[in-house]
C-alpha atoms as a PDB file:
ATOM      1  CA  UNK A   1      -0.151   0.109  -0.161  1.00  0.00           C
ATOM      2  CA  UNK A   2       1.626   2.964  -1.028  1.00  0.00           C
ATOM      3  CA  UNK A   3       0.035   5.126   1.104  1.00  0.00           C
ATOM      4  CA  UNK A   4       1.153   2.422   4.094  1.00  0.00           C
ATOM      5  CA  UNK A   5       4.531   2.668   3.275  1.00  0.00           C
ATOM      6  CA  UNK A   6       4.644   6.393   4.063  1.00  0.00           C
ATOM      7  CA  UNK A   7       1.913   6.603   7.269  1.00  0.00           C
ATOM      8  CA  UNK A   8       3.726   3.386   8.687  1.00  0.00           C
ATOM      9  CA  UNK A   9       7.583   5.456   9.169  1.00  0.00           C
ATOM     10  CA  UNK A  10       5.619   7.847  11.367  1.00  0.00           C
ATOM     11  CA  UNK A  11       3.503   5.239  13.275  1.00  0.00           C
ATOM     12  CA  UNK A  12       6.331   3.345  14.124  1.00  0.00           C
ATOM     13  CA  UNK A  13       8.376   6.295  15.937  1.00  0.00           C
ATOM     14  CA  UNK A  14       5.243   7.375  17.553  1.00  0.00           C
ATOM     15  CA  UNK A  15       4.352   4.229  18.800  1.00  0.00           C
ATOM     16  CA  UNK A  16       3.925   5.120  22.447  1.00  0.00           C
ATOM     17  CA  UNK A  17       2.180   8.116  22.088  1.00  0.00           C
ATOM     18  CA  UNK A  18      -1.454   8.211  22.835  1.00  0.00           C
ATOM     19  CA  UNK A  19      -2.365   9.160  18.951  1.00  0.00           C
ATOM     20  CA  UNK A  20       0.788   8.052  17.339  1.00  0.00           C
ATOM     21  CA  UNK A  21       0.449   9.669  14.099  1.00  0.00           C
ATOM     22  CA  UNK A  22      -0.207  13.037  15.998  1.00  0.00           C
ATOM     23  CA  UNK A  23      -3.037  15.606  14.347  1.00  0.00           C
ATOM     24  CA  UNK A  24      -3.277  13.332  11.314  1.00  0.00           C
ATOM     25  CA  UNK A  25      -2.069  13.443   7.705  1.00  0.00           C
ATOM     26  CA  UNK A  26      -2.333  15.847   4.584  1.00  0.00           C
ATOM     27  CA  UNK A  27      -2.452  13.087   2.330  1.00  0.00           C
ATOM     28  CA  UNK A  28      -2.505  15.211  -0.672  1.00  0.00           C
ATOM     29  CA  UNK A  29       0.641  17.174   0.022  1.00  0.00           C
ATOM     30  CA  UNK A  30       2.347  13.620   1.408  1.00  0.00           C
ATOM     31  CA  UNK A  31       1.779  12.357  -1.651  1.00  0.00           C
ATOM     32  CA  UNK A  32       1.563  14.937  -4.463  1.00  0.00           C
ATOM     33  CA  UNK A  33       3.825  13.978  -7.778  1.00  0.00           C
ATOM     34  CA  UNK A  34       3.079   9.791  -7.609  1.00  0.00           C
ATOM     35  CA  UNK A  35       0.806   8.184  -9.688  1.00  0.00           C
ATOM     36  CA  UNK A  36      -1.223   6.270  -7.539  1.00  0.00           C
ATOM     37  CA  UNK A  37      -3.617   4.731 -10.229  1.00  0.00           C
ATOM     38  CA  UNK A  38      -1.881   5.622 -13.137  1.00  0.00           C
ATOM     39  CA  UNK A  39      -3.637   8.681 -14.203  1.00  0.00           C
ATOM     40  CA  UNK A  40      -1.381  11.104 -12.937  1.00  0.00           C
ATOM     41  CA  UNK A  41      -2.259  12.670  -9.568  1.00  0.00           C
ATOM     42  CA  UNK A  42      -6.285  11.899 -10.178  1.00  0.00           C
ATOM     43  CA  UNK A  43      -6.197   9.554  -6.678  1.00  0.00           C
ATOM     44  CA  UNK A  44      -4.185  12.173  -4.944  1.00  0.00           C
ATOM     45  CA  UNK A  45      -7.137  14.903  -5.851  1.00  0.00           C
ATOM     46  CA  UNK A  46      -9.686  12.795  -4.573  1.00  0.00           C
ATOM     47  CA  UNK A  47      -8.357  11.975  -0.991  1.00  0.00           C
ATOM     48  CA  UNK A  48      -8.856  13.871   2.279  1.00  0.00           C
ATOM     49  CA  UNK A  49      -6.456  16.881   2.977  1.00  0.00           C
ATOM     50  CA  UNK A  50      -6.833  15.427   6.887  1.00  0.00           C
ATOM     51  CA  UNK A  51      -6.107  11.927   7.354  1.00  0.00           C
ATOM     52  CA  UNK A  52      -5.696  10.227  10.599  1.00  0.00           C
ATOM     53  CA  UNK A  53      -5.127   5.850  10.314  1.00  0.00           C
ATOM     54  CA  UNK A  54      -6.252   4.485  13.558  1.00  0.00           C
ATOM     55  CA  UNK A  55      -5.998   0.799  14.922  1.00  0.00           C
ATOM     56  CA  UNK A  56      -8.531  -0.904  16.015  1.00  0.00           C
ATOM     57  CA  UNK A  57      -6.486  -1.270  19.457  1.00  0.00           C
ATOM     58  CA  UNK A  58      -6.419   2.816  19.253  1.00  0.00           C
ATOM     59  CA  UNK A  59     -10.013   2.912  18.859  1.00  0.00           C
ATOM     60  CA  UNK A  60     -11.066   0.342  21.096  1.00  0.00           C
ATOM     61  CA  UNK A  61      -9.451   2.601  23.748  1.00  0.00           C
ATOM     62  CA  UNK A  62     -10.964   5.851  23.299  1.00  0.00           C
ATOM     63  CA  UNK A  63     -14.546   4.633  22.783  1.00  0.00           C
ATOM     64  CA  UNK A  64     -13.546   2.030  25.952  1.00  0.00           C
ATOM     65  CA  UNK A  65     -12.702   5.759  27.803  1.00  0.00           C
ATOM     66  CA  UNK A  66     -16.362   7.162  27.001  1.00  0.00           C
ATOM     67  CA  UNK A  67     -17.404   4.259  29.246  1.00  0.00           C
ATOM     68  CA  UNK A  68     -19.156   2.409  26.480  1.00  0.00           C
ATOM     69  CA  UNK A  69     -18.261  -1.455  26.106  1.00  0.00           C
ATOM     70  CA  UNK A  70     -16.288  -2.664  22.949  1.00  0.00           C
ATOM     71  CA  UNK A  71     -17.592  -6.495  21.682  1.00  0.00           C
ATOM     72  CA  UNK A  72     -15.314  -6.497  19.074  1.00  0.00           C
ATOM     73  CA  UNK A  73     -12.210  -4.383  17.327  1.00  0.00           C
ATOM     74  CA  UNK A  74     -10.988  -5.645  14.134  1.00  0.00           C
ATOM     75  CA  UNK A  75      -8.972  -4.800  10.884  1.00  0.00           C
ATOM     76  CA  UNK A  76      -9.711  -6.693   7.543  1.00  0.00           C
ATOM     77  CA  UNK A  77     -10.258  -6.930   3.939  1.00  0.00           C
ATOM     78  CA  UNK A  78     -13.272  -4.550   3.283  1.00  0.00           C
ATOM     79  CA  UNK A  79     -14.644  -6.236  -0.034  1.00  0.00           C
ATOM     80  CA  UNK A  80     -14.588  -3.623  -2.937  1.00  0.00           C
ATOM     81  CA  UNK A  81     -11.503  -1.898  -1.526  1.00  0.00           C
ATOM     82  CA  UNK A  82      -8.953  -0.571  -4.091  1.00  0.00           C
ATOM     83  CA  UNK A  83      -6.190  -3.003  -4.499  1.00  0.00           C
ATOM     84  CA  UNK A  84      -3.532  -0.143  -4.652  1.00  0.00           C
ATOM     85  CA  UNK A  85      -4.237   0.808  -1.182  1.00  0.00           C
ATOM     86  CA  UNK A  86      -4.000  -2.969  -0.237  1.00  0.00           C
ATOM     87  CA  UNK A  87      -2.392  -3.284   3.596  1.00  0.00           C
ATOM     88  CA  UNK A  88      -1.926  -6.602   3.997  1.00  0.00           C
ATOM     89  CA  UNK A  89      -5.927  -7.397   5.355  1.00  0.00           C
ATOM     90  CA  UNK A  90      -6.112  -4.366   7.499  1.00  0.00           C
ATOM     91  CA  UNK A  91      -7.208  -1.600   5.083  1.00  0.00           C
ATOM     92  CA  UNK A  92     -10.730  -1.251   7.117  1.00  0.00           C
ATOM     93  CA  UNK A  93     -10.835  -1.028  10.729  1.00  0.00           C
ATOM     94  CA  UNK A  94     -14.702  -2.465  12.071  1.00  0.00           C
ATOM     95  CA  UNK A  95     -15.948  -1.367  15.865  1.00  0.00           C
ATOM     96  CA  UNK A  96     -18.811  -2.794  17.350  1.00  0.00           C
ATOM     97  CA  UNK A  97     -19.873  -0.768  21.102  1.00  0.00           C
ATOM     98  CA  UNK A  98     -22.946  -0.982  22.873  1.00  0.00           C
ATOM     99  CA  UNK A  99     -23.626   1.592  25.200  1.00  0.00           C
ATOM    100  CA  UNK A 100     -23.443   0.157  29.132  1.00  0.00           C
END
């Protein structure tokens, strides 16, 4: 995954921080000049300027701190997800929580 290869570095060096990627990442700036979809920068222009990746672990912690009970928190592949953004089956974080 093009995005993950760049963001993973930030995440790993800040893994002990409460939010490892800090205030988020401007994907359009970060990926400027790359050809992600074979059509120049079309894919980059469709990306958000603010992006904050969350792991299932991070989301579970945040949701539990609000007083909700987490039933399930996992990362997995989602059918129809663009192949250029594959990330070892962890492209989509899914969380199910209930009010206590």
